[in-house]
Amino acid sequence: MHGEKLPADGGVDGRIRVGGGRLASVERSALRVLTPRELEVFSVLPDGEGNRELARRLGIAERTVKAHLTSITRKLGLRSRVEAALLAAEWSDDLRLDPKGLDRP
């Protein structure tokens, strides 16, 4: 599957097309709806580890990782883990600077 970043416009900070599929548009402010643990899971997605490895790394159950990924994709209006990983990769520098969620109050 190929990911393609598209330029942002109209206040949208992340636009990703996955494998010629539908366009996912997500504003960075949408990350405010994620819990701190969901943000932690979201921020490590670009590393490409599977659920088992993520669970070990984060000290949580694999089932919990799956639950967080489901919640993240639902809350951000994404269709897949791949879209979430591409978006997290695009925003990785910002997430490292502000791990609490990009200007989370």
PDB file of N, CA and C in Angstrom:
ATOM      1  N   MET A   1       0.828  -1.177   0.000  1.00  0.00           N
ATOM      2  CA  MET A   1       0.000   0.000   0.000  1.00  0.00           C
ATOM      3  C   MET A   1       0.877   1.246   0.000  1.00  0.00           C
ATOM      4  N   HIS A   2       0.560   2.216  -0.818  1.00  0.00           N
ATOM      5  CA  HIS A   2       1.340   3.445  -0.891  1.00  0.00           C
ATOM      6  C   HIS A   2       0.570   4.559  -0.209  1.00  0.00           C
ATOM      7  N   GLY A   3       1.268   5.371   0.585  1.00  0.00           N
ATOM      8  CA  GLY A   3       0.644   6.518   1.233  1.00  0.00           C
ATOM      9  C   GLY A   3       1.102   7.773   0.544  1.00  0.00           C
ATOM     10  N   GLU A   4       0.207   8.706   0.392  1.00  0.00           N
ATOM     11  CA  GLU A   4       0.542   9.942  -0.274  1.00  0.00           C
ATOM     12  C   GLU A   4       0.073  11.099   0.595  1.00  0.00           C
ATOM     13  N   LYS A   5       1.010  11.984   0.967  1.00  0.00           N
ATOM     14  CA  LYS A   5       0.632  13.179   1.724  1.00  0.00           C
ATOM     15  C   LYS A   5       0.181  14.239   0.739  1.00  0.00           C
ATOM     16  N   LEU A   6      -0.872  14.900   1.066  1.00  0.00           N
ATOM     17  CA  LEU A   6      -1.361  15.985   0.240  1.00  0.00           C
ATOM     18  C   LEU A   6      -1.259  17.280   1.014  1.00  0.00           C
ATOM     19  N   PRO A   7      -1.106  18.404   0.335  1.00  0.00           N
ATOM     20  CA  PRO A   7      -0.998  19.669   1.055  1.00  0.00           C
ATOM     21  C   PRO A   7      -2.270  19.973   1.826  1.00  0.00           C
ATOM     22  N   ALA A   8      -2.086  20.562   2.986  1.00  0.00           N
ATOM     23  CA  ALA A   8      -3.232  20.933   3.822  1.00  0.00           C
ATOM     24  C   ALA A   8      -3.838  22.233   3.316  1.00  0.00           C
ATOM     25  N   ASP A   9      -5.139  22.361   3.491  1.00  0.00           N
ATOM     26  CA  ASP A   9      -5.802  23.617   3.166  1.00  0.00           C
ATOM     27  C   ASP A   9      -7.064  23.746   3.992  1.00  0.00           C
ATOM     28  N   GLY A  10      -7.602  24.928   4.061  1.00  0.00           N
ATOM     29  CA  GLY A  10      -8.846  25.149   4.780  1.00  0.00           C
ATOM     30  C   GLY A  10      -8.783  24.779   6.242  1.00  0.00           C
ATOM     31  N   GLY A  11      -7.618  24.951   6.884  1.00  0.00           N
ATOM     32  CA  GLY A  11      -7.498  24.650   8.298  1.00  0.00           C
ATOM     33  C   GLY A  11      -7.294  23.178   8.592  1.00  0.00           C
ATOM     34  N   VAL A  12      -7.204  22.378   7.567  1.00  0.00           N
ATOM     35  CA  VAL A  12      -6.989  20.950   7.763  1.00  0.00           C
ATOM     36  C   VAL A  12      -5.500  20.704   7.739  1.00  0.00           C
ATOM     37  N   ASP A  13      -4.989  20.054   8.764  1.00  0.00           N
ATOM     38  CA  ASP A  13      -3.558  19.857   8.887  1.00  0.00           C
ATOM     39  C   ASP A  13      -3.085  18.510   8.387  1.00  0.00           C
ATOM     40  N   GLY A  14      -3.925  17.534   8.311  1.00  0.00           N
ATOM     41  CA  GLY A  14      -3.494  16.222   7.844  1.00  0.00           C
ATOM     42  C   GLY A  14      -4.447  15.698   6.795  1.00  0.00           C
ATOM     43  N   ARG A  15      -3.927  15.434   5.605  1.00  0.00           N
ATOM     44  CA  ARG A  15      -4.740  14.862   4.532  1.00  0.00           C
ATOM     45  C   ARG A  15      -3.936  13.720   3.972  1.00  0.00           C
ATOM     46  N   ILE A  16      -4.514  12.551   3.986  1.00  0.00           N
ATOM     47  CA  ILE A  16      -3.774  11.369   3.574  1.00  0.00           C
ATOM     48  C   ILE A  16      -4.621  10.532   2.633  1.00  0.00           C
ATOM     49  N   ARG A  17      -4.007  10.086   1.547  1.00  0.00           N
ATOM     50  CA  ARG A  17      -4.676   9.163   0.636  1.00  0.00           C
ATOM     51  C   ARG A  17      -3.927   7.842   0.741  1.00  0.00           C
ATOM     52  N   VAL A  18      -4.650   6.786   1.018  1.00  0.00           N
ATOM     53  CA  VAL A  18      -4.021   5.481   1.174  1.00  0.00           C
ATOM     54  C   VAL A  18      -4.451   4.593   0.016  1.00  0.00           C
ATOM     55  N   GLY A  19      -3.471   4.126  -0.752  1.00  0.00           N
ATOM     56  CA  GLY A  19      -3.737   3.187  -1.832  1.00  0.00           C
ATOM     57  C   GLY A  19      -4.810   3.628  -2.798  1.00  0.00           C
ATOM     58  N   GLY A  20      -4.893   4.918  -3.078  1.00  0.00           N
ATOM     59  CA  GLY A  20      -5.892   5.433  -4.004  1.00  0.00           C
ATOM     60  C   GLY A  20      -7.286   5.475  -3.411  1.00  0.00           C
ATOM     61  N   GLY A  21      -7.409   5.194  -2.119  1.00  0.00           N
ATOM     62  CA  GLY A  21      -8.714   5.189  -1.447  1.00  0.00           C
ATOM     63  C   GLY A  21      -9.215   6.589  -1.136  1.00  0.00           C
ATOM     64  N   ARG A  22     -10.223   6.637  -0.287  1.00  0.00           N
ATOM     65  CA  ARG A  22     -10.816   7.922   0.062  1.00  0.00           C
ATOM     66  C   ARG A  22      -9.811   8.792   0.808  1.00  0.00           C
ATOM     67  N   LEU A  23     -10.044  10.059   0.784  1.00  0.00           N
ATOM     68  CA  LEU A  23      -9.173  11.030   1.436  1.00  0.00           C
ATOM     69  C   LEU A  23      -9.601  11.208   2.884  1.00  0.00           C
ATOM     70  N   ALA A  24      -8.652  11.105   3.786  1.00  0.00           N
ATOM     71  CA  ALA A  24      -8.927  11.330   5.204  1.00  0.00           C
ATOM     72  C   ALA A  24      -8.408  12.718   5.562  1.00  0.00           C
ATOM     73  N   SER A  25      -9.266  13.565   6.071  1.00  0.00           N
ATOM     74  CA  SER A  25      -8.876  14.901   6.488  1.00  0.00           C
ATOM     75  C   SER A  25      -9.086  15.024   7.988  1.00  0.00           C
ATOM     76  N   VAL A  26      -8.017  15.387   8.675  1.00  0.00           N
ATOM     77  CA  VAL A  26      -8.091  15.476  10.125  1.00  0.00           C
ATOM     78  C   VAL A  26      -7.394  16.752  10.569  1.00  0.00           C
ATOM     79  N   GLU A  27      -8.069  17.537  11.392  1.00  0.00           N
ATOM     80  CA  GLU A  27      -7.440  18.718  11.967  1.00  0.00           C
ATOM     81  C   GLU A  27      -6.661  18.281  13.194  1.00  0.00           C
ATOM     82  N   ARG A  28      -5.528  18.929  13.425  1.00  0.00           N
ATOM     83  CA  ARG A  28      -4.718  18.573  14.586  1.00  0.00           C
ATOM     84  C   ARG A  28      -5.492  18.739  15.892  1.00  0.00           C
ATOM     85  N   SER A  29      -6.393  19.672  15.917  1.00  0.00           N
ATOM     86  CA  SER A  29      -7.177  19.884  17.136  1.00  0.00           C
ATOM     87  C   SER A  29      -8.015  18.650  17.488  1.00  0.00           C
ATOM     88  N   ALA A  30      -8.239  17.767  16.526  1.00  0.00           N
ATOM     89  CA  ALA A  30      -9.006  16.546  16.793  1.00  0.00           C
ATOM     90  C   ALA A  30      -8.297  15.650  17.800  1.00  0.00           C
ATOM     91  N   LEU A  31      -6.977  15.811  17.916  1.00  0.00           N
ATOM     92  CA  LEU A  31      -6.232  14.990  18.870  1.00  0.00           C
ATOM     93  C   LEU A  31      -6.618  15.287  20.310  1.00  0.00           C
ATOM     94  N   ARG A  32      -7.260  16.400  20.538  1.00  0.00           N
ATOM     95  CA  ARG A  32      -7.688  16.755  21.903  1.00  0.00           C
ATOM     96  C   ARG A  32      -8.695  15.776  22.470  1.00  0.00           C
ATOM     97  N   VAL A  33      -9.380  15.041  21.595  1.00  0.00           N
ATOM     98  CA  VAL A  33     -10.387  14.092  22.079  1.00  0.00           C
ATOM     99  C   VAL A  33      -9.760  12.769  22.518  1.00  0.00           C
ATOM    100  N   LEU A  34      -8.485  12.569  22.213  1.00  0.00           N
ATOM    101  CA  LEU A  34      -7.819  11.333  22.610  1.00  0.00           C
ATOM    102  C   LEU A  34      -7.370  11.405  24.063  1.00  0.00           C
ATOM    103  N   THR A  35      -7.450  10.274  24.729  1.00  0.00           N
ATOM    104  CA  THR A  35      -6.959  10.194  26.104  1.00  0.00           C
ATOM    105  C   THR A  35      -5.428  10.222  26.084  1.00  0.00           C
ATOM    106  N   PRO A  36      -4.798  10.493  27.220  1.00  0.00           N
ATOM    107  CA  PRO A  36      -3.324  10.464  27.248  1.00  0.00           C
ATOM    108  C   PRO A  36      -2.750   9.120  26.783  1.00  0.00           C
ATOM    109  N   ARG A  37      -3.371   8.019  27.139  1.00  0.00           N
ATOM    110  CA  ARG A  37      -2.864   6.703  26.725  1.00  0.00           C
ATOM    111  C   ARG A  37      -3.063   6.493  25.224  1.00  0.00           C
ATOM    112  N   GLU A  38      -4.205   6.950  24.696  1.00  0.00           N
ATOM    113  CA  GLU A  38      -4.433   6.859  23.252  1.00  0.00           C
ATOM    114  C   GLU A  38      -3.395   7.685  22.496  1.00  0.00           C
ATOM    115  N   LEU A  39      -3.066   8.858  23.015  1.00  0.00           N
ATOM    116  CA  LEU A  39      -2.026   9.681  22.400  1.00  0.00           C
ATOM    117  C   LEU A  39      -0.678   8.974  22.421  1.00  0.00           C
ATOM    118  N   GLU A  40      -0.403   8.287  23.507  1.00  0.00           N
ATOM    119  CA  GLU A  40       0.851   7.553  23.610  1.00  0.00           C
ATOM    120  C   GLU A  40       0.905   6.451  22.551  1.00  0.00           C
ATOM    121  N   VAL A  41      -0.178   5.710  22.395  1.00  0.00           N
ATOM    122  CA  VAL A  41      -0.243   4.662  21.379  1.00  0.00           C
ATOM    123  C   VAL A  41      -0.133   5.288  19.985  1.00  0.00           C
ATOM    124  N   PHE A  42      -0.875   6.360  19.748  1.00  0.00           N
ATOM    125  CA  PHE A  42      -0.861   7.061  18.461  1.00  0.00           C
ATOM    126  C   PHE A  42       0.558   7.521  18.105  1.00  0.00           C
ATOM    127  N   SER A  43       1.271   8.035  19.083  1.00  0.00           N
ATOM    128  CA  SER A  43       2.597   8.598  18.816  1.00  0.00           C
ATOM    129  C   SER A  43       3.648   7.544  18.470  1.00  0.00           C
ATOM    130  N   VAL A  44       3.437   6.280  18.851  1.00  0.00           N
ATOM    131  CA  VAL A  44       4.419   5.239  18.527  1.00  0.00           C
ATOM    132  C   VAL A  44       4.033   4.433  17.286  1.00  0.00           C
ATOM    133  N   LEU A  45       2.883   4.701  16.704  1.00  0.00           N
ATOM    134  CA  LEU A  45       2.461   3.980  15.499  1.00  0.00           C
ATOM    135  C   LEU A  45       3.450   4.085  14.342  1.00  0.00           C
ATOM    136  N   PRO A  46       4.069   5.241  14.108  1.00  0.00           N
ATOM    137  CA  PRO A  46       4.985   5.332  12.962  1.00  0.00           C
ATOM    138  C   PRO A  46       6.195   4.406  13.055  1.00  0.00           C
ATOM    139  N   ASP A  47       6.474   3.873  14.227  1.00  0.00           N
ATOM    140  CA  ASP A  47       7.627   2.990  14.383  1.00  0.00           C
ATOM    141  C   ASP A  47       7.414   1.629  13.711  1.00  0.00           C
ATOM    142  N   GLY A  48       6.171   1.340  13.329  1.00  0.00           N
ATOM    143  CA  GLY A  48       5.880   0.142  12.553  1.00  0.00           C
ATOM    144  C   GLY A  48       5.812  -1.160  13.328  1.00  0.00           C
ATOM    145  N   GLU A  49       5.747  -1.090  14.627  1.00  0.00           N
ATOM    146  CA  GLU A  49       5.668  -2.299  15.440  1.00  0.00           C
ATOM    147  C   GLU A  49       4.249  -2.869  15.413  1.00  0.00           C
ATOM    148  N   GLY A  50       4.152  -4.164  15.583  1.00  0.00           N
ATOM    149  CA  GLY A  50       2.858  -4.816  15.671  1.00  0.00           C
ATOM    150  C   GLY A  50       2.248  -4.608  17.048  1.00  0.00           C
ATOM    151  N   ASN A  51       1.023  -5.068  17.206  1.00  0.00           N
ATOM    152  CA  ASN A  51       0.324  -4.888  18.478  1.00  0.00           C
ATOM    153  C   ASN A  51       1.063  -5.513  19.651  1.00  0.00           C
ATOM    154  N   ARG A  52       1.605  -6.700  19.441  1.00  0.00           N
ATOM    155  CA  ARG A  52       2.312  -7.388  20.524  1.00  0.00           C
ATOM    156  C   ARG A  52       3.523  -6.577  20.981  1.00  0.00           C
ATOM    157  N   GLU A  53       4.293  -6.060  20.016  1.00  0.00           N
ATOM    158  CA  GLU A  53       5.480  -5.271  20.350  1.00  0.00           C
ATOM    159  C   GLU A  53       5.091  -3.949  21.020  1.00  0.00           C
ATOM    160  N   LEU A  54       4.031  -3.331  20.517  1.00  0.00           N
ATOM    161  CA  LEU A  54       3.555  -2.090  21.140  1.00  0.00           C
ATOM    162  C   LEU A  54       3.127  -2.340  22.585  1.00  0.00           C
ATOM    163  N   ALA A  55       2.442  -3.453  22.801  1.00  0.00           N
ATOM    164  CA  ALA A  55       1.987  -3.791  24.152  1.00  0.00           C
ATOM    165  C   ALA A  55       3.172  -3.950  25.096  1.00  0.00           C
ATOM    166  N   ARG A  56       4.175  -4.670  24.653  1.00  0.00           N
ATOM    167  CA  ARG A  56       5.365  -4.850  25.499  1.00  0.00           C
ATOM    168  C   ARG A  56       6.053  -3.516  25.760  1.00  0.00           C
ATOM    169  N   ARG A  57       6.193  -2.732  24.730  1.00  0.00           N
ATOM    170  CA  ARG A  57       6.869  -1.433  24.851  1.00  0.00           C
ATOM    171  C   ARG A  57       6.147  -0.500  25.816  1.00  0.00           C
ATOM    172  N   LEU A  58       4.810  -0.528  25.762  1.00  0.00           N
ATOM    173  CA  LEU A  58       4.010   0.388  26.580  1.00  0.00           C
ATOM    174  C   LEU A  58       3.600  -0.215  27.930  1.00  0.00           C
ATOM    175  N   GLY A  59       3.897  -1.493  28.118  1.00  0.00           N
ATOM    176  CA  GLY A  59       3.560  -2.135  29.384  1.00  0.00           C
ATOM    177  C   GLY A  59       2.067  -2.355  29.578  1.00  0.00           C
ATOM    178  N   ILE A  60       1.371  -2.651  28.478  1.00  0.00           N
ATOM    179  CA  ILE A  60      -0.068  -2.912  28.535  1.00  0.00           C
ATOM    180  C   ILE A  60      -0.353  -4.201  27.768  1.00  0.00           C
ATOM    181  N   ALA A  61      -1.565  -4.707  27.897  1.00  0.00           N
ATOM    182  CA  ALA A  61      -1.951  -5.938  27.208  1.00  0.00           C
ATOM    183  C   ALA A  61      -2.151  -5.675  25.713  1.00  0.00           C
ATOM    184  N   GLU A  62      -1.893  -6.691  24.912  1.00  0.00           N
ATOM    185  CA  GLU A  62      -2.103  -6.584  23.466  1.00  0.00           C
ATOM    186  C   GLU A  62      -3.560  -6.222  23.156  1.00  0.00           C
ATOM    187  N   ARG A  63      -4.459  -6.800  23.917  1.00  0.00           N
ATOM    188  CA  ARG A  63      -5.887  -6.509  23.752  1.00  0.00           C
ATOM    189  C   ARG A  63      -6.190  -5.022  23.995  1.00  0.00           C
ATOM    190  N   THR A  64      -5.461  -4.432  24.959  1.00  0.00           N
ATOM    191  CA  THR A  64      -5.637  -3.011  25.259  1.00  0.00           C
ATOM    192  C   THR A  64      -5.122  -2.156  24.108  1.00  0.00           C
ATOM    193  N   VAL A  65      -4.017  -2.563  23.495  1.00  0.00           N
ATOM    194  CA  VAL A  65      -3.504  -1.847  22.319  1.00  0.00           C
ATOM    195  C   VAL A  65      -4.557  -1.849  21.226  1.00  0.00           C
ATOM    196  N   LYS A  66      -5.158  -3.008  20.968  1.00  0.00           N
ATOM    197  CA  LYS A  66      -6.207  -3.117  19.942  1.00  0.00           C
ATOM    198  C   LYS A  66      -7.377  -2.204  20.261  1.00  0.00           C
ATOM    199  N   ALA A  67      -7.763  -2.160  21.526  1.00  0.00           N
ATOM    200  CA  ALA A  67      -8.881  -1.303  21.939  1.00  0.00           C
ATOM    201  C   ALA A  67      -8.540   0.168  21.719  1.00  0.00           C
ATOM    202  N   HIS A  68      -7.313   0.558  22.067  1.00  0.00           N
ATOM    203  CA  HIS A  68      -6.894   1.950  21.851  1.00  0.00           C
ATOM    204  C   HIS A  68      -6.868   2.288  20.363  1.00  0.00           C
ATOM    205  N   LEU A  69      -6.366   1.381  19.539  1.00  0.00           N
ATOM    206  CA  LEU A  69      -6.320   1.631  18.093  1.00  0.00           C
ATOM    207  C   LEU A  69      -7.721   1.783  17.513  1.00  0.00           C
ATOM    208  N   THR A  70      -8.641   0.961  17.980  1.00  0.00           N
ATOM    209  CA  THR A  70     -10.027   1.078  17.529  1.00  0.00           C
ATOM    210  C   THR A  70     -10.601   2.429  17.924  1.00  0.00           C
ATOM    211  N   SER A  71     -10.352   2.839  19.143  1.00  0.00           N
ATOM    212  CA  SER A  71     -10.850   4.112  19.637  1.00  0.00           C
ATOM    213  C   SER A  71     -10.224   5.291  18.883  1.00  0.00           C
ATOM    214  N   ILE A  72      -8.923   5.210  18.645  1.00  0.00           N
ATOM    215  CA  ILE A  72      -8.205   6.282  17.920  1.00  0.00           C
ATOM    216  C   ILE A  72      -8.772   6.454  16.517  1.00  0.00           C
ATOM    217  N   THR A  73      -8.910   5.340  15.789  1.00  0.00           N
ATOM    218  CA  THR A  73      -9.409   5.448  14.413  1.00  0.00           C
ATOM    219  C   THR A  73     -10.851   5.961  14.391  1.00  0.00           C
ATOM    220  N   ARG A  74     -11.656   5.532  15.349  1.00  0.00           N
ATOM    221  CA  ARG A  74     -13.051   5.998  15.414  1.00  0.00           C
ATOM    222  C   ARG A  74     -13.113   7.484  15.730  1.00  0.00           C
ATOM    223  N   LYS A  75     -12.384   7.908  16.757  1.00  0.00           N
ATOM    224  CA  LYS A  75     -12.421   9.308  17.182  1.00  0.00           C
ATOM    225  C   LYS A  75     -11.881  10.253  16.115  1.00  0.00           C
ATOM    226  N   LEU A  76     -10.892   9.802  15.344  1.00  0.00           N
ATOM    227  CA  LEU A  76     -10.300  10.670  14.320  1.00  0.00           C
ATOM    228  C   LEU A  76     -10.957  10.502  12.950  1.00  0.00           C
ATOM    229  N   GLY A  77     -11.930   9.606  12.869  1.00  0.00           N
ATOM    230  CA  GLY A  77     -12.647   9.404  11.611  1.00  0.00           C
ATOM    231  C   GLY A  77     -11.805   8.718  10.548  1.00  0.00           C
ATOM    232  N   LEU A  78     -10.907   7.855  10.974  1.00  0.00           N
ATOM    233  CA  LEU A  78     -10.037   7.138  10.054  1.00  0.00           C
ATOM    234  C   LEU A  78     -10.593   5.748   9.807  1.00  0.00           C
ATOM    235  N   ARG A  79     -10.175   5.138   8.701  1.00  0.00           N
ATOM    236  CA  ARG A  79     -10.695   3.815   8.359  1.00  0.00           C
ATOM    237  C   ARG A  79      -9.795   2.681   8.800  1.00  0.00           C
ATOM    238  N   SER A  80      -8.534   2.999   9.086  1.00  0.00           N
ATOM    239  CA  SER A  80      -7.620   1.901   9.382  1.00  0.00           C
ATOM    240  C   SER A  80      -6.442   2.356  10.232  1.00  0.00           C
ATOM    241  N   ARG A  81      -5.740   1.360  10.729  1.00  0.00           N
ATOM    242  CA  ARG A  81      -4.501   1.591  11.466  1.00  0.00           C
ATOM    243  C   ARG A  81      -3.460   2.238  10.544  1.00  0.00           C
ATOM    244  N   VAL A  82      -3.484   1.870   9.271  1.00  0.00           N
ATOM    245  CA  VAL A  82      -2.535   2.430   8.306  1.00  0.00           C
ATOM    246  C   VAL A  82      -2.725   3.939   8.196  1.00  0.00           C
ATOM    247  N   GLU A  83      -3.974   4.379   8.083  1.00  0.00           N
ATOM    248  CA  GLU A  83      -4.233   5.826   8.038  1.00  0.00           C
ATOM    249  C   GLU A  83      -3.755   6.488   9.328  1.00  0.00           C
ATOM    250  N   ALA A  84      -4.004   5.857  10.464  1.00  0.00           N
ATOM    251  CA  ALA A  84      -3.562   6.416  11.745  1.00  0.00           C
ATOM    252  C   ALA A  84      -2.040   6.504  11.795  1.00  0.00           C
ATOM    253  N   ALA A  85      -1.357   5.465  11.331  1.00  0.00           N
ATOM    254  CA  ALA A  85       0.108   5.459  11.346  1.00  0.00           C
ATOM    255  C   ALA A  85       0.676   6.533  10.418  1.00  0.00           C
ATOM    256  N   LEU A  86       0.084   6.705   9.247  1.00  0.00           N
ATOM    257  CA  LEU A  86       0.540   7.747   8.318  1.00  0.00           C
ATOM    258  C   LEU A  86       0.342   9.137   8.910  1.00  0.00           C
ATOM    259  N   LEU A  87      -0.800   9.343   9.540  1.00  0.00           N
ATOM    260  CA  LEU A  87      -1.081  10.632  10.167  1.00  0.00           C
ATOM    261  C   LEU A  87      -0.135  10.880  11.335  1.00  0.00           C
ATOM    262  N   ALA A  88       0.082   9.867  12.151  1.00  0.00           N
ATOM    263  CA  ALA A  88       1.006   9.995  13.282  1.00  0.00           C
ATOM    264  C   ALA A  88       2.419  10.278  12.793  1.00  0.00           C
ATOM    265  N   ALA A  89       2.817   9.659  11.683  1.00  0.00           N
ATOM    266  CA  ALA A  89       4.151   9.915  11.119  1.00  0.00           C
ATOM    267  C   ALA A  89       4.265  11.357  10.648  1.00  0.00           C
ATOM    268  N   GLU A  90       3.202  11.853  10.022  1.00  0.00           N
ATOM    269  CA  GLU A  90       3.199  13.240   9.541  1.00  0.00           C
ATOM    270  C   GLU A  90       3.325  14.220  10.707  1.00  0.00           C
ATOM    271  N   TRP A  91       2.709  13.877  11.818  1.00  0.00           N
ATOM    272  CA  TRP A  91       2.700  14.773  12.978  1.00  0.00           C
ATOM    273  C   TRP A  91       3.718  14.390  14.042  1.00  0.00           C
ATOM    274  N   SER A  92       4.617  13.460  13.738  1.00  0.00           N
ATOM    275  CA  SER A  92       5.517  12.910  14.755  1.00  0.00           C
ATOM    276  C   SER A  92       6.370  13.973  15.441  1.00  0.00           C
ATOM    277  N   ASP A  93       6.887  14.940  14.707  1.00  0.00           N
ATOM    278  CA  ASP A  93       7.706  15.978  15.337  1.00  0.00           C
ATOM    279  C   ASP A  93       6.885  16.776  16.342  1.00  0.00           C
ATOM    280  N   ASP A  94       5.667  17.129  15.962  1.00  0.00           N
ATOM    281  CA  ASP A  94       4.798  17.889  16.865  1.00  0.00           C
ATOM    282  C   ASP A  94       4.417  17.068  18.089  1.00  0.00           C
ATOM    283  N   LEU A  95       4.171  15.784  17.899  1.00  0.00           N
ATOM    284  CA  LEU A  95       3.803  14.925  19.023  1.00  0.00           C
ATOM    285  C   LEU A  95       4.958  14.771  20.007  1.00  0.00           C
ATOM    286  N   ARG A  96       6.170  14.740  19.490  1.00  0.00           N
ATOM    287  CA  ARG A  96       7.331  14.628  20.386  1.00  0.00           C
ATOM    288  C   ARG A  96       7.537  15.922  21.157  1.00  0.00           C
ATOM    289  N   LEU A  97       7.267  17.067  20.518  1.00  0.00           N
ATOM    290  CA  LEU A  97       7.404  18.356  21.202  1.00  0.00           C
ATOM    291  C   LEU A  97       6.312  18.557  22.234  1.00  0.00           C
ATOM    292  N   ASP A  98       5.118  18.114  21.923  1.00  0.00           N
ATOM    293  CA  ASP A  98       3.963  18.279  22.809  1.00  0.00           C
ATOM    294  C   ASP A  98       3.236  16.953  22.947  1.00  0.00           C
ATOM    295  N   PRO A  99       3.775  16.035  23.737  1.00  0.00           N
ATOM    296  CA  PRO A  99       3.162  14.709  23.851  1.00  0.00           C
ATOM    297  C   PRO A  99       1.791  14.711  24.502  1.00  0.00           C
ATOM    298  N   LYS A 100       1.352  15.824  25.017  1.00  0.00           N
ATOM    299  CA  LYS A 100       0.033  15.885  25.654  1.00  0.00           C
ATOM    300  C   LYS A 100      -1.071  16.159  24.649  1.00  0.00           C
ATOM    301  N   GLY A 101      -0.741  16.299  23.392  1.00  0.00           N
ATOM    302  CA  GLY A 101      -1.818  16.392  22.417  1.00  0.00           C
ATOM    303  C   GLY A 101      -1.893  17.650  21.617  1.00  0.00           C
ATOM    304  N   LEU A 102      -0.759  18.204  21.243  1.00  0.00           N
ATOM    305  CA  LEU A 102      -0.765  19.353  20.357  1.00  0.00           C
ATOM    306  C   LEU A 102      -1.666  20.469  20.884  1.00  0.00           C
ATOM    307  N   ASP A 103      -1.167  21.178  21.848  1.00  0.00           N
ATOM    308  CA  ASP A 103      -1.871  22.321  22.427  1.00  0.00           C
ATOM    309  C   ASP A 103      -3.103  21.906  23.221  1.00  0.00           C
ATOM    310  N   ARG A 104      -3.064  20.734  23.813  1.00  0.00           N
ATOM    311  CA  ARG A 104      -4.187  20.285  24.650  1.00  0.00           C
ATOM    312  C   ARG A 104      -4.260  21.212  25.860  1.00  0.00           C
ATOM    313  N   PRO A 105      -5.462  21.702  26.174  1.00  0.00           N
ATOM    314  CA  PRO A 105      -5.595  22.601  27.344  1.00  0.00           C
ATOM    315  C   PRO A 105      -5.335  21.887  28.640  1.00  0.00           C
TER     316      PRO A 105
END
